[in-house]
Protein backbone atom coordinates (compact mmCIF):
# COMPACT_ATOMS: atom_id res chain seq x y z
CA MET A 1 -4.84 30.56 42.03
CA SER A 2 -3.89 28.08 39.27
CA THR A 3 -0.64 28.31 37.38
CA VAL A 4 0.20 27.14 33.87
CA ALA A 5 3.57 25.51 33.28
CA THR A 6 5.58 27.21 30.57
CA VAL A 7 8.54 25.95 28.61
CA PRO A 8 11.53 28.33 28.68
CA GLU A 9 12.39 29.81 25.32
CA GLY A 10 15.03 27.84 23.42
CA THR A 11 14.33 24.53 25.18
CA VAL A 12 12.63 21.44 23.79
CA ASN A 13 9.02 20.93 24.88
CA PRO A 14 8.98 17.50 26.57
CA TYR A 15 5.23 17.20 25.88
CA ALA A 16 5.43 17.80 22.12
CA LEU A 17 4.95 14.79 19.85
CA SER A 18 7.69 13.95 17.41
CA HIS A 19 6.95 13.92 13.69
CA LEU A 20 6.57 10.13 13.64
CA ASP A 21 4.47 10.15 16.81
CA SER A 22 2.10 12.66 15.19
CA LEU A 23 1.71 10.49 12.10
CA GLU A 24 1.16 7.41 14.24
CA SER A 25 -1.43 9.21 16.37
CA GLU A 26 -3.34 10.33 13.28
CA ALA A 27 -3.39 6.81 11.82
CA VAL A 28 -4.49 5.23 15.12
CA HIS A 29 -7.30 7.78 15.35
CA ILE A 30 -8.45 6.86 11.82
CA PHE A 31 -8.49 3.13 12.58
CA ARG A 32 -10.55 3.70 15.73
CA GLU A 33 -12.90 6.08 13.92
CA VAL A 34 -13.62 3.45 11.27
CA ALA A 35 -14.13 0.73 13.89
CA GLY A 36 -16.74 2.87 15.59
CA GLU A 37 -18.52 4.05 12.44
CA PHE A 38 -18.60 1.07 10.04
CA GLU A 39 -19.94 -2.46 10.28
CA ARG A 40 -17.66 -4.51 7.98
CA PRO A 41 -14.23 -2.91 7.49
CA VAL A 42 -11.37 -4.76 5.80
CA ILE A 43 -7.63 -4.07 5.42
CA LEU A 44 -5.97 -4.60 2.06
CA PHE A 45 -2.89 -6.66 2.91
CA SER A 46 -0.39 -7.81 0.28
CA GLY A 47 2.77 -8.27 2.36
CA GLY A 48 4.20 -5.04 0.94
CA LYS A 49 5.75 -2.49 3.31
CA ASP A 50 2.80 -0.06 3.34
CA SER A 51 0.27 -2.77 4.15
CA ILE A 52 2.66 -4.14 6.78
CA LEU A 53 2.82 -0.65 8.29
CA MET A 54 -0.98 -0.39 8.27
CA LEU A 55 -1.36 -3.72 10.07
CA HIS A 56 1.23 -2.68 12.66
CA LEU A 57 -0.71 0.54 13.32
CA ALA A 58 -4.00 -1.37 13.56
CA LEU A 59 -2.45 -3.76 16.09
CA LYS A 60 -1.36 -0.72 18.13
CA ALA A 61 -4.75 0.94 17.83
CA PHE A 62 -6.63 -1.92 19.47
CA ALA A 63 -4.03 -3.61 21.70
CA PRO A 64 -4.37 -5.68 23.81
CA ALA A 65 -7.58 -6.64 21.98
CA PRO A 66 -7.31 -8.35 18.57
CA VAL A 67 -7.64 -6.34 15.38
CA PRO A 68 -11.41 -6.15 14.63
CA PHE A 69 -10.92 -6.29 10.84
CA THR A 70 -10.34 -9.06 8.33
CA LEU A 71 -7.67 -8.83 5.62
CA LEU A 72 -8.07 -8.90 1.83
CA HIS A 73 -5.40 -9.57 -0.79
CA VAL A 74 -5.92 -9.37 -4.55
CA ASP A 75 -3.45 -11.99 -5.78
CA THR A 76 -2.36 -11.41 -9.38
CA GLY A 77 -0.69 -14.82 -9.61
CA HIS A 78 2.55 -13.01 -10.42
CA ASN A 79 3.46 -11.98 -6.90
CA PHE A 80 6.93 -12.40 -5.44
CA PRO A 81 7.17 -15.71 -3.52
CA GLU A 82 9.04 -14.03 -0.66
CA VAL A 83 6.16 -11.60 -0.16
CA LEU A 84 3.46 -14.30 -0.23
CA GLU A 85 5.42 -16.31 2.33
CA TYR A 86 5.62 -13.24 4.58
CA ARG A 87 1.88 -12.59 4.11
CA ASP A 88 0.86 -16.09 5.17
CA ARG A 89 3.30 -16.18 8.09
CA THR A 90 1.97 -12.84 9.40
CA VAL A 91 -1.67 -13.93 9.13
CA GLU A 92 -0.88 -17.07 11.12
CA LYS A 93 1.20 -15.18 13.69
CA TYR A 94 -1.61 -12.80 14.64
CA GLY A 95 -4.52 -15.20 14.13
CA LEU A 96 -6.09 -13.06 11.42
CA ARG A 97 -8.61 -13.97 8.75
CA LEU A 98 -7.48 -13.47 5.15
CA HIS A 99 -9.66 -13.32 2.02
CA VAL A 100 -7.78 -13.85 -1.25
CA ALA A 101 -9.28 -12.63 -4.53
CA SER A 102 -7.40 -14.45 -7.30
CA VAL A 103 -6.84 -12.87 -10.71
CA GLN A 104 -5.83 -16.30 -12.02
CA GLU A 105 -9.22 -17.74 -11.08
CA TYR A 106 -10.96 -14.98 -13.02
CA ILE A 107 -8.76 -15.69 -16.05
CA ASP A 108 -9.45 -19.44 -15.81
CA ALA A 109 -13.19 -18.74 -15.61
CA GLY A 110 -13.08 -16.51 -18.70
CA LYS A 111 -14.06 -13.39 -16.77
CA LEU A 112 -10.72 -11.69 -17.54
CA ARG A 113 -8.25 -11.95 -20.40
CA GLU A 114 -4.48 -11.81 -20.22
CA ARG A 115 -2.92 -8.63 -21.54
CA PRO A 116 -0.42 -8.82 -24.43
CA ASP A 117 2.29 -7.28 -22.23
CA GLY A 118 1.79 -9.93 -19.52
CA THR A 119 1.12 -7.48 -16.70
CA ARG A 120 -1.80 -8.24 -14.43
CA ASN A 121 -1.87 -5.16 -12.22
CA PRO A 122 -4.66 -3.54 -14.28
CA LEU A 123 -6.62 -6.81 -13.98
CA GLN A 124 -6.96 -6.48 -10.20
CA THR A 125 -9.92 -4.09 -10.36
CA VAL A 126 -12.67 -6.64 -11.09
CA PRO A 127 -11.63 -9.19 -8.42
CA LEU A 128 -11.24 -6.35 -5.91
CA THR A 129 -14.62 -4.75 -6.54
CA GLU A 130 -16.44 -8.08 -6.64
CA ALA A 131 -14.82 -9.18 -3.37
CA ILE A 132 -16.00 -5.94 -1.75
CA GLN A 133 -19.53 -6.54 -3.00
CA GLN A 134 -19.57 -10.24 -2.13
CA HIS A 135 -18.44 -9.72 1.47
CA ARG A 136 -20.35 -6.43 1.84
CA PHE A 137 -17.31 -4.52 3.06
CA ASP A 138 -18.35 -0.94 3.81
CA ALA A 139 -14.88 0.44 4.59
CA VAL A 140 -11.70 -0.71 2.86
CA PHE A 141 -8.30 0.34 4.23
CA GLY A 142 -5.62 0.96 1.61
CA GLY A 143 -1.96 1.89 1.98
CA GLY A 144 -1.98 4.70 -0.60
CA ARG A 145 0.13 7.75 0.24
CA ARG A 146 -0.14 11.21 -1.31
CA ASP A 147 3.57 11.41 -2.10
CA GLU A 148 3.46 8.34 -4.37
CA GLU A 149 1.65 9.61 -7.43
CA LYS A 150 -0.33 12.68 -8.54
CA ALA A 151 -3.69 10.89 -8.71
CA ARG A 152 -3.24 9.60 -5.17
CA ALA A 153 -2.40 13.13 -4.04
CA LYS A 154 -6.02 14.05 -4.81
CA GLU A 155 -7.44 11.55 -2.33
CA ARG A 156 -9.07 12.42 0.95
CA VAL A 157 -8.51 10.09 3.91
CA PHE A 158 -12.13 8.90 3.54
CA SER A 159 -12.77 8.41 -0.18
CA LEU A 160 -16.37 7.66 -1.15
CA ARG A 161 -16.97 5.05 -3.86
CA ASP A 162 -20.31 4.49 -5.59
CA GLU A 163 -22.18 1.19 -5.97
CA PHE A 164 -19.83 0.26 -8.84
CA SER A 165 -16.73 1.06 -6.70
CA GLN A 166 -15.97 4.01 -8.96
CA TRP A 167 -14.19 7.14 -7.75
CA ASP A 168 -15.37 10.63 -8.64
CA PRO A 169 -13.03 13.42 -7.45
CA ARG A 170 -15.96 15.84 -7.51
CA ARG A 171 -17.59 13.88 -4.67
CA GLN A 172 -14.60 14.29 -2.36
CA ARG A 173 -15.63 15.71 1.00
CA PRO A 174 -13.81 18.32 3.07
CA GLU A 175 -11.86 16.96 6.06
CA LEU A 176 -11.21 19.93 8.30
CA TRP A 177 -9.79 19.40 11.79
CA GLN A 178 -9.52 15.63 11.21
CA LEU A 179 -13.29 15.28 10.97
CA TYR A 180 -14.13 12.41 8.62
CA ASN A 181 -17.48 11.87 6.94
CA GLY A 182 -18.24 8.18 6.46
CA ARG A 183 -21.86 8.49 5.38
CA HIS A 184 -22.71 6.41 2.34
CA ALA A 185 -25.80 5.03 0.63
CA ALA A 186 -26.65 1.34 0.37
CA GLY A 187 -24.22 -0.36 -2.01
CA GLU A 188 -21.61 2.37 -1.68
CA HIS A 189 -18.48 2.06 0.44
CA VAL A 190 -15.58 4.18 1.65
CA ARG A 191 -11.90 3.64 0.87
CA VAL A 192 -9.82 4.70 3.86
CA PHE A 193 -6.18 5.80 3.67
CA PRO A 194 -4.72 6.06 7.20
CA ILE A 195 -1.14 6.72 6.01
CA SER A 196 -2.06 9.37 3.42
CA ASN A 197 0.21 11.97 4.99
CA TRP A 198 3.26 9.71 5.32
CA THR A 199 6.17 9.88 2.90
CA GLU A 200 8.34 6.96 1.84
CA LEU A 201 11.05 8.25 4.16
CA ASP A 202 8.57 8.46 7.06
CA VAL A 203 7.60 4.83 6.45
CA TRP A 204 11.18 3.61 6.58
CA GLN A 205 12.09 5.70 9.62
CA TYR A 206 9.05 4.36 11.47
CA ILE A 207 9.86 0.78 10.44
CA GLU A 208 13.33 1.28 11.90
CA ARG A 209 12.00 2.81 15.11
CA GLU A 210 9.44 0.06 15.64
CA SER A 211 11.75 -2.79 14.50
CA ILE A 212 9.13 -4.03 12.04
CA GLU A 213 10.11 -7.13 10.07
CA LEU A 214 9.89 -6.87 6.25
CA PRO A 215 10.25 -9.34 3.37
CA GLU A 216 13.92 -9.67 2.45
CA ILE A 217 13.46 -8.33 -1.09
CA TYR A 218 13.29 -4.80 0.34
CA PHE A 219 17.01 -5.10 1.07
CA ALA A 220 19.91 -5.54 -1.35
CA HIS A 221 20.38 -9.08 -2.64
CA GLU A 222 21.61 -10.78 -5.79
CA ARG A 223 18.85 -11.48 -8.31
CA GLU A 224 18.59 -12.55 -11.92
CA VAL A 225 17.00 -9.63 -13.77
CA PHE A 226 16.70 -8.21 -17.27
CA ASN A 227 16.29 -4.67 -18.58
CA ARG A 228 13.03 -3.53 -20.16
CA ASP A 229 12.30 0.12 -20.82
CA GLY A 230 14.97 1.16 -18.34
CA MET A 231 13.70 -1.05 -15.51
CA TRP A 232 15.24 -4.19 -13.97
CA LEU A 233 12.50 -6.84 -14.01
CA THR A 234 12.60 -10.32 -12.51
CA ALA A 235 12.57 -13.20 -14.97
CA GLY A 236 9.50 -15.41 -14.63
CA GLY A 237 6.69 -17.32 -16.28
CA TRP A 238 4.64 -14.17 -16.77
CA GLY A 239 6.27 -13.41 -20.13
CA GLY A 240 9.77 -12.15 -19.47
CA PRO A 241 12.37 -12.03 -20.70
CA LYS A 242 11.74 -12.01 -24.44
CA GLU A 243 14.22 -13.45 -26.93
CA HIS A 244 16.18 -10.22 -27.32
CA GLU A 245 16.29 -9.46 -23.56
CA ARG A 246 19.39 -10.72 -21.78
CA THR A 247 19.30 -11.72 -18.12
CA GLU A 248 22.08 -10.93 -15.70
CA THR A 249 22.73 -11.24 -11.99
CA ARG A 250 22.80 -7.88 -10.20
CA LEU A 251 22.78 -6.58 -6.64
CA VAL A 252 19.34 -4.99 -6.32
CA ARG A 253 16.48 -4.30 -3.95
CA TYR A 254 12.82 -3.30 -4.29
CA ARG A 255 11.37 0.01 -3.16
CA THR A 256 7.79 -1.11 -3.75
CA VAL A 257 6.30 -4.55 -4.32
CA GLY A 258 3.55 -5.46 -6.78
CA ASP A 259 3.07 -7.66 -9.81
CA MET A 260 6.43 -9.09 -10.95
CA SER A 261 5.70 -8.09 -14.54
CA CYS A 262 5.67 -4.35 -13.84
CA THR A 263 7.62 -3.84 -10.61
CA GLY A 264 11.24 -2.96 -11.18
CA ALA A 265 14.21 -3.41 -8.87
CA VAL A 266 16.80 -0.70 -8.27
CA ASP A 267 20.56 -1.14 -8.12
CA SER A 268 21.47 -0.95 -4.47
CA ASP A 269 23.93 -2.17 -1.85
CA ALA A 270 21.63 -1.18 1.05
CA THR A 271 21.37 -4.24 3.25
CA THR A 272 20.32 -2.54 6.51
CA LEU A 273 17.55 -0.16 7.54
CA ASP A 274 20.08 2.63 8.10
CA SER A 275 21.50 2.29 4.61
CA VAL A 276 18.04 2.10 3.03
CA ILE A 277 16.99 5.30 4.82
CA THR A 278 20.15 7.06 3.62
CA GLU A 279 19.42 5.90 0.07
CA ILE A 280 15.78 7.05 0.18
CA ALA A 281 16.72 10.44 1.63
CA ALA A 282 19.02 11.07 -1.35
CA SER A 283 16.52 9.93 -4.00
CA ARG A 284 14.70 12.47 -6.18
CA LEU A 285 12.25 9.95 -7.69
CA THR A 286 9.15 8.57 -5.99
CA GLU A 287 9.07 4.82 -5.55
CA ARG A 288 6.27 4.38 -8.09
CA GLY A 289 7.85 6.78 -10.55
CA ALA A 290 11.11 4.88 -10.40
CA THR A 291 9.91 1.29 -10.35
CA ARG A 292 6.32 0.84 -11.53
CA ALA A 293 5.84 0.31 -15.26
CA ASP A 294 2.05 0.20 -14.98
CA ASP A 295 1.99 3.87 -13.99
CA LYS A 296 3.80 4.78 -17.22
CA MET A 297 1.15 3.43 -19.60
CA SER A 298 -0.30 6.94 -19.93
CA GLU A 299 -0.17 10.32 -18.19
CA ALA A 300 -3.39 9.48 -16.34
CA ALA A 301 -2.90 5.71 -15.92
CA MET A 302 -3.47 5.66 -12.15
CA GLU A 303 -6.40 8.09 -12.24
CA ASP A 304 -8.12 6.08 -14.99
CA ARG A 305 -7.83 2.91 -12.92
CA LYS A 306 -9.03 4.68 -9.78
CA ARG A 307 -12.16 5.81 -11.59
CA GLU A 308 -12.82 2.18 -12.49
CA GLY A 309 -12.48 1.02 -8.89
CA TYR A 310 -8.76 0.43 -8.34
CA PHE A 311 -6.92 1.98 -5.38
C-alpha cells in the first residue's frame, strides 16, 4: 500500500518553489520551447538590466551547453558609453555572436531623418525590422514586461508579427496552461517575452540573489545633467542642453537605460543592490513612466510604435 507524504498544517512546504524560482522556471521553459520550435531565434541585447536578465536566464536554460541564439542590438548612436562597454565585454566573455543594427548608418544613408527633438528611440523600428528580415530571424526575444506600460500589458508571451513586423492585438492567441503557439506563415515571425510576468522589483531581487553584474549607471553616481520637462537628462552631442537649459552635477542613477536623449535619471543615493531594492519597493511610478520621455509623446505612443514593428 503506497503512502503520500503530507505537510503538517502551518509548516512551510519544502518542495514549493519560491516566487523568484517560479518566475525563473517559467522563463527557462520559454527559452527551451523556442529552441525546440524555431529555426533562427535571436535575443535583443542592449546591455540594459532586462536584457542582461534574459541572457542570464538563457545561459541557465542551456548550461553547460552554449546559448543556441545570437544577439541583436539596435544602436541609436546615442547610447550610454558605460552600457556599450558592458555589452561588448559580456559578448566577449561568453563567446556570443552580436549583430548591431545602427540607426546612425541609416541616417547617413538617407533612409532615416533626424527628429527635431533629437531623440532617436522612435527611429529604431526600421533598422530592427530590416535586421529581422535580412537575417531571417523567426523568433525574437525581447525584455518587455507587463508592468512597464499599458501597451506592453496587452502582450502575450508569444506575440505574432506579420510580414511587415506589425503587431495586431486582435491576432493575439490564448496561452492557457503555459501552452504557446508559435505557428507563423512565411515572412512572419514571433516576438517572445520570457520575463512578461516579472515586475521591476522581481528583476532587482533576482539580480541580487544571482549576483548578476550590471553597468554602474544603475547605481547612484555623480553626473552632469540638466532638467527638461521634469526629467534629468545627460548632456551630450544629441542636442542637449539648449541655451536656456542649465547643467548641474547631481547624485543620480538610472532605473532604465535607452537613448540618452529621452532616458531620464532619478535623484538617488542608492549605491548598493539592497538600497536600490528598498527604493524601488517604495516607488509608485513605473520605471518607464518616471524616466522615459518617448512614452510621453502621446497617450498611445508605445502602442503606435508597436503596431509599426517596435517592441
